[in-house]
Amino acid sequence: MIGLLINQKEKKELEYLIKREMDEILFDLKDERIDHLVKRSMKERYKILFSLFKRVAPPSECLRYMSFEKHRKSY
C-alpha cells in the first residue's frame, strides 16, 4: 500500500483528470470502428480509473460513472 498526501486543490485536479479520462473512454466505447480487443483494454483501464476516482471524488460524483460499471458488459 502506498500513501499519498495531497491538498484540496491537488485533489480537485486529480478528480478532474480522472473524470476527463473516463469520459473519453466512455465516448470511445460507443465507436463501432474500434476493435473489440482494444475496447476490452479500454474497459480494464476504465475499471482502474474508476477505483481511483472513488478514492478522491464524493459519492454523488461517483454515481454518474457507476452506471457504466454495472452495465459495462453491454459494450
N, C-alpha and C. Protein backbone atom coordinates (compact mmCIF):
# COMPACT_ATOMS: atom_id res chain seq x y z
N MET A 1 0.85 -1.17 0.00
CA MET A 1 0.00 0.00 0.00
C MET A 1 0.89 1.24 0.00
N ILE A 2 0.47 2.23 -0.75
CA ILE A 2 1.20 3.48 -0.85
C ILE A 2 0.29 4.61 -0.35
N GLY A 3 0.82 5.45 0.51
CA GLY A 3 0.07 6.60 0.99
C GLY A 3 0.40 7.83 0.16
N LEU A 4 -0.51 8.78 0.13
CA LEU A 4 -0.32 9.98 -0.66
C LEU A 4 -0.95 11.15 0.08
N LEU A 5 -0.15 12.17 0.34
CA LEU A 5 -0.68 13.39 0.97
C LEU A 5 -0.84 14.45 -0.10
N ILE A 6 -2.07 14.93 -0.26
CA ILE A 6 -2.34 15.98 -1.24
C ILE A 6 -3.25 17.02 -0.60
N ASN A 7 -3.17 18.24 -1.09
CA ASN A 7 -4.07 19.26 -0.58
C ASN A 7 -5.37 19.26 -1.38
N GLN A 8 -6.30 20.12 -0.99
CA GLN A 8 -7.62 20.13 -1.62
C GLN A 8 -7.54 20.49 -3.11
N LYS A 9 -6.68 21.43 -3.46
CA LYS A 9 -6.54 21.83 -4.85
C LYS A 9 -6.02 20.67 -5.71
N GLU A 10 -5.04 19.94 -5.19
CA GLU A 10 -4.50 18.79 -5.91
C GLU A 10 -5.54 17.68 -6.03
N LYS A 11 -6.35 17.51 -4.99
CA LYS A 11 -7.43 16.51 -5.03
C LYS A 11 -8.42 16.84 -6.13
N LYS A 12 -8.80 18.10 -6.24
CA LYS A 12 -9.72 18.51 -7.29
C LYS A 12 -9.11 18.30 -8.68
N GLU A 13 -7.83 18.55 -8.81
CA GLU A 13 -7.15 18.35 -10.09
C GLU A 13 -7.13 16.87 -10.46
N LEU A 14 -6.85 16.00 -9.49
CA LEU A 14 -6.89 14.56 -9.75
C LEU A 14 -8.29 14.12 -10.16
N GLU A 15 -9.27 14.62 -9.45
CA GLU A 15 -10.66 14.29 -9.76
C GLU A 15 -11.00 14.71 -11.20
N TYR A 16 -10.60 15.91 -11.57
CA TYR A 16 -10.87 16.42 -12.91
C TYR A 16 -10.18 15.56 -13.98
N LEU A 17 -8.91 15.24 -13.77
CA LEU A 17 -8.17 14.45 -14.76
C LEU A 17 -8.75 13.06 -14.94
N ILE A 18 -9.12 12.44 -13.84
CA ILE A 18 -9.69 11.09 -13.92
C ILE A 18 -11.06 11.13 -14.62
N LYS A 19 -11.88 12.12 -14.27
CA LYS A 19 -13.19 12.25 -14.92
C LYS A 19 -13.03 12.45 -16.41
N ARG A 20 -12.11 13.29 -16.78
CA ARG A 20 -11.88 13.58 -18.20
C ARG A 20 -11.46 12.31 -18.95
N GLU A 21 -10.59 11.54 -18.36
CA GLU A 21 -10.13 10.30 -19.00
C GLU A 21 -11.26 9.27 -19.09
N MET A 22 -12.06 9.15 -18.03
CA MET A 22 -13.18 8.21 -18.06
C MET A 22 -14.23 8.64 -19.09
N ASP A 23 -14.49 9.93 -19.20
CA ASP A 23 -15.43 10.42 -20.21
C ASP A 23 -14.95 10.08 -21.62
N GLU A 24 -13.66 10.23 -21.83
CA GLU A 24 -13.08 9.92 -23.14
C GLU A 24 -13.23 8.43 -23.45
N ILE A 25 -13.01 7.58 -22.48
CA ILE A 25 -13.16 6.14 -22.68
C ILE A 25 -14.62 5.81 -22.99
N LEU A 26 -15.54 6.37 -22.23
CA LEU A 26 -16.97 6.12 -22.48
C LEU A 26 -17.37 6.54 -23.88
N PHE A 27 -16.86 7.66 -24.33
CA PHE A 27 -17.15 8.14 -25.68
C PHE A 27 -16.58 7.17 -26.72
N ASP A 28 -15.35 6.74 -26.54
CA ASP A 28 -14.70 5.85 -27.50
C ASP A 28 -15.33 4.46 -27.53
N LEU A 29 -15.88 4.01 -26.42
CA LEU A 29 -16.52 2.70 -26.40
C LEU A 29 -17.75 2.63 -27.30
N LYS A 30 -18.34 3.77 -27.57
CA LYS A 30 -19.52 3.81 -28.44
C LYS A 30 -19.15 3.78 -29.92
N ASP A 31 -17.89 3.97 -30.22
CA ASP A 31 -17.42 3.98 -31.61
C ASP A 31 -17.29 2.55 -32.12
N GLU A 32 -18.06 2.23 -33.12
CA GLU A 32 -18.08 0.86 -33.64
C GLU A 32 -16.85 0.53 -34.49
N ARG A 33 -16.08 1.54 -34.86
CA ARG A 33 -14.88 1.30 -35.66
C ARG A 33 -13.73 0.74 -34.82
N ILE A 34 -13.83 0.86 -33.52
CA ILE A 34 -12.76 0.40 -32.64
C ILE A 34 -12.90 -1.10 -32.43
N ASP A 35 -11.79 -1.80 -32.56
CA ASP A 35 -11.74 -3.25 -32.44
C ASP A 35 -12.16 -3.72 -31.05
N HIS A 36 -12.75 -4.91 -30.99
CA HIS A 36 -13.22 -5.49 -29.74
C HIS A 36 -12.08 -5.66 -28.73
N LEU A 37 -10.91 -6.08 -29.17
CA LEU A 37 -9.78 -6.26 -28.25
C LEU A 37 -9.34 -4.93 -27.64
N VAL A 38 -9.37 -3.89 -28.43
CA VAL A 38 -9.00 -2.57 -27.94
C VAL A 38 -10.04 -2.10 -26.91
N LYS A 39 -11.30 -2.36 -27.19
CA LYS A 39 -12.36 -1.98 -26.26
C LYS A 39 -12.22 -2.72 -24.93
N ARG A 40 -11.80 -3.96 -25.01
CA ARG A 40 -11.61 -4.72 -23.77
C ARG A 40 -10.52 -4.08 -22.91
N SER A 41 -9.45 -3.64 -23.54
CA SER A 41 -8.38 -2.95 -22.82
C SER A 41 -8.88 -1.63 -22.25
N MET A 42 -9.71 -0.95 -23.01
CA MET A 42 -10.27 0.31 -22.55
C MET A 42 -11.16 0.09 -21.32
N LYS A 43 -11.92 -0.99 -21.31
CA LYS A 43 -12.77 -1.31 -20.17
C LYS A 43 -11.94 -1.59 -18.92
N GLU A 44 -10.83 -2.27 -19.10
CA GLU A 44 -9.94 -2.54 -17.96
C GLU A 44 -9.35 -1.24 -17.42
N ARG A 45 -8.97 -0.36 -18.33
CA ARG A 45 -8.43 0.95 -17.92
C ARG A 45 -9.50 1.74 -17.18
N TYR A 46 -10.73 1.69 -17.67
CA TYR A 46 -11.83 2.38 -17.02
C TYR A 46 -12.02 1.86 -15.59
N LYS A 47 -11.95 0.58 -15.45
CA LYS A 47 -12.13 -0.05 -14.13
C LYS A 47 -11.07 0.47 -13.14
N ILE A 48 -9.84 0.56 -13.58
CA ILE A 48 -8.76 1.06 -12.74
C ILE A 48 -8.98 2.54 -12.41
N LEU A 49 -9.32 3.32 -13.42
CA LEU A 49 -9.56 4.75 -13.20
C LEU A 49 -10.74 4.97 -12.25
N PHE A 50 -11.77 4.17 -12.39
CA PHE A 50 -12.94 4.33 -11.52
C PHE A 50 -12.59 4.01 -10.07
N SER A 51 -11.76 3.01 -9.86
CA SER A 51 -11.36 2.69 -8.48
C SER A 51 -10.54 3.83 -7.87
N LEU A 52 -9.73 4.50 -8.69
CA LEU A 52 -9.01 5.68 -8.21
C LEU A 52 -9.97 6.84 -7.96
N PHE A 53 -10.91 7.00 -8.86
CA PHE A 53 -11.88 8.09 -8.77
C PHE A 53 -12.69 7.99 -7.48
N LYS A 54 -13.09 6.78 -7.11
CA LYS A 54 -13.87 6.58 -5.89
C LYS A 54 -13.11 7.06 -4.65
N ARG A 55 -11.79 7.07 -4.72
CA ARG A 55 -10.99 7.49 -3.57
C ARG A 55 -10.90 9.00 -3.42
N VAL A 56 -11.07 9.74 -4.50
CA VAL A 56 -10.92 11.19 -4.43
C VAL A 56 -12.23 11.96 -4.61
N ALA A 57 -13.22 11.34 -5.19
CA ALA A 57 -14.47 12.05 -5.50
C ALA A 57 -15.54 11.76 -4.46
N PRO A 58 -16.44 12.70 -4.27
CA PRO A 58 -17.57 12.47 -3.37
C PRO A 58 -18.52 11.43 -3.98
N PRO A 59 -19.25 10.71 -3.14
CA PRO A 59 -20.16 9.67 -3.65
C PRO A 59 -21.15 10.17 -4.71
N SER A 60 -21.61 11.39 -4.58
CA SER A 60 -22.58 11.90 -5.55
C SER A 60 -21.96 12.00 -6.95
N GLU A 61 -20.67 12.30 -7.03
CA GLU A 61 -19.97 12.36 -8.32
C GLU A 61 -19.76 10.97 -8.89
N CYS A 62 -19.58 10.00 -8.03
CA CYS A 62 -19.31 8.63 -8.48
C CYS A 62 -20.53 7.99 -9.14
N LEU A 63 -21.71 8.44 -8.77
CA LEU A 63 -22.93 7.83 -9.31
C LEU A 63 -23.00 7.90 -10.83
N ARG A 64 -22.55 9.01 -11.38
CA ARG A 64 -22.60 9.18 -12.84
C ARG A 64 -21.77 8.11 -13.56
N TYR A 65 -20.64 7.77 -12.97
CA TYR A 65 -19.73 6.83 -13.61
C TYR A 65 -19.99 5.39 -13.17
N MET A 66 -20.79 5.22 -12.14
CA MET A 66 -21.09 3.90 -11.64
C MET A 66 -22.02 3.14 -12.58
N SER A 67 -22.86 3.85 -13.30
CA SER A 67 -23.81 3.18 -14.20
C SER A 67 -23.07 2.39 -15.27
N PHE A 68 -21.94 2.89 -15.72
CA PHE A 68 -21.16 2.14 -16.70
C PHE A 68 -20.57 0.90 -16.05
N GLU A 69 -20.13 0.99 -14.83
CA GLU A 69 -19.57 -0.16 -14.13
C GLU A 69 -20.57 -1.31 -14.08
N LYS A 70 -21.84 -0.99 -13.85
CA LYS A 70 -22.86 -2.02 -13.75
C LYS A 70 -23.21 -2.62 -15.10
N HIS A 71 -23.12 -1.80 -16.16
CA HIS A 71 -23.57 -2.24 -17.48
C HIS A 71 -22.44 -2.36 -18.49
N ARG A 72 -21.23 -2.43 -18.03
CA ARG A 72 -20.11 -2.39 -18.97
C ARG A 72 -20.05 -3.62 -19.86
N LYS A 73 -20.70 -4.71 -19.48
CA LYS A 73 -20.70 -5.89 -20.33
C LYS A 73 -21.55 -5.72 -21.58
N SER A 74 -22.38 -4.69 -21.58
CA SER A 74 -23.23 -4.46 -22.74
C SER A 74 -22.47 -3.80 -23.88
N TYR A 75 -21.29 -3.25 -23.60
CA TYR A 75 -20.48 -2.62 -24.66
C TYR A 75 -19.71 -3.64 -25.43
